[in-house]
Protein backbone atom coordinates (compact mmCIF):
# COMPACT_ATOMS: atom_id res chain seq x y z
CA MET A 1 -59.93 107.11 101.57
CA ALA A 2 -56.71 106.87 99.62
CA ASN A 3 -55.65 103.47 98.27
CA GLN A 4 -52.31 102.55 100.10
CA ASN A 5 -50.57 101.46 97.35
CA SER A 6 -47.32 102.52 96.94
CA GLY A 7 -46.11 105.76 94.80
CA GLY A 8 -43.78 103.47 92.58
CA ASP A 9 -47.07 101.52 91.66
CA PHE A 10 -49.01 104.44 90.88
CA GLY A 11 -46.04 105.24 88.45
CA LYS A 12 -45.50 101.90 87.10
CA LEU A 13 -49.70 101.76 86.02
CA ALA A 14 -49.43 105.27 84.82
CA ASP A 15 -46.60 105.09 82.63
CA SER A 16 -48.01 101.34 81.56
CA LEU A 17 -51.32 103.14 80.38
CA LEU A 18 -49.37 105.83 78.76
CA ASP A 19 -47.34 103.26 76.70
CA ASN A 20 -48.31 103.85 72.95
CA SER A 21 -49.21 100.25 72.36
CA LYS A 22 -51.86 100.25 75.47
CA ILE A 23 -53.37 103.59 73.96
CA GLN A 24 -54.27 102.07 70.67
CA LYS A 25 -55.44 99.14 72.34
CA ILE A 26 -57.80 101.65 74.46
CA SER A 27 -58.89 103.36 71.82
CA SER A 28 -60.17 99.93 70.47
CA LYS A 29 -62.28 99.13 73.63
CA GLN A 30 -63.80 102.75 73.98
CA SER A 31 -67.19 101.77 74.23
CA ASP A 32 -66.38 99.36 77.59
CA ILE A 33 -64.17 102.32 79.12
CA GLU A 34 -66.89 104.71 78.03
CA LYS A 35 -69.28 102.48 80.31
CA LEU A 36 -66.52 102.57 83.08
CA ALA A 37 -66.58 106.41 82.39
CA ASN A 38 -70.28 106.70 82.99
CA SER A 39 -70.15 104.56 86.35
CA ALA A 40 -70.67 106.12 89.63
CA GLU A 41 -67.16 105.62 90.61
CA GLY A 42 -65.90 107.14 86.98
CA LYS A 43 -68.38 110.26 87.01
CA LYS A 44 -66.54 110.61 91.07
CA VAL A 45 -63.39 109.90 89.64
CA SER A 46 -64.28 112.88 86.38
CA GLU A 47 -64.90 115.44 89.29
CA LEU A 48 -61.33 115.26 90.10
CA VAL A 49 -59.82 116.05 87.04
CA ASP A 50 -58.88 119.30 85.94
CA LYS A 51 -60.23 118.50 82.18
CA LYS A 52 -59.39 121.48 80.46
CA SER A 53 -55.49 121.09 81.11
CA LEU A 54 -55.61 117.30 80.56
CA VAL A 55 -57.12 118.18 76.92
CA GLN A 56 -54.80 120.83 76.60
CA ALA A 57 -51.93 118.18 77.43
CA ILE A 58 -53.45 115.51 75.45
CA GLU A 59 -53.69 117.69 72.33
CA LYS A 60 -50.13 118.84 72.95
CA GLY A 61 -48.95 115.37 73.74
CA ASP A 62 -47.29 116.18 76.91
CA ALA A 63 -47.07 113.07 79.04
CA SER A 64 -46.25 114.37 82.38
CA VAL A 65 -49.19 116.25 82.76
CA MET A 66 -51.40 113.22 81.63
CA GLN A 67 -49.25 110.73 83.76
CA ASN A 68 -49.48 113.21 86.69
CA ALA A 69 -53.11 113.30 86.48
CA ILE A 70 -53.07 109.72 86.27
CA LYS A 71 -51.51 109.22 89.90
CA ASN A 72 -53.66 112.06 91.37
CA ILE A 73 -56.68 109.65 90.29
CA MET A 74 -55.37 106.52 91.68
CA LYS A 75 -54.62 108.23 95.26
CA THR A 76 -58.17 107.84 95.52
CA GLU A 77 -60.28 104.55 95.85
CA GLU A 78 -62.31 105.08 92.91
CA GLY A 79 -59.93 106.28 90.89
CA ALA A 80 -57.09 103.13 91.80
CA ARG A 81 -59.96 100.67 91.25
CA LEU A 82 -60.86 102.55 88.00
CA VAL A 83 -57.42 102.38 86.74
CA GLN A 84 -57.43 99.30 87.78
CA GLN A 85 -60.49 98.21 85.49
CA ILE A 86 -58.62 99.70 82.47
CA ASN A 87 -55.70 98.12 82.71
CA GLU A 88 -57.07 94.87 83.45
CA MET A 89 -58.92 95.50 79.53
CA MET A 90 -55.44 96.01 78.33
CA LYS A 91 -54.41 92.60 79.02
């Protein structure tokens, strides 16, 4: 079932997650994020991601591809919850 938040909310959260200071903070919380990634929700969301394209985008620094991936993930309830949990870690 899709999350009912507006597209603007998705964009704001995706932009927030892609902010440089947040990326650095994410790196410092890698073990917590790995726990989320290995959870049932994390594994389900992982199946939704084109990992090869995402890795290439990260290597190239292509923020638009990363942002689109986050937006697509957040269209699912599991993805939205997972991204929200990550966002809470960043506070």
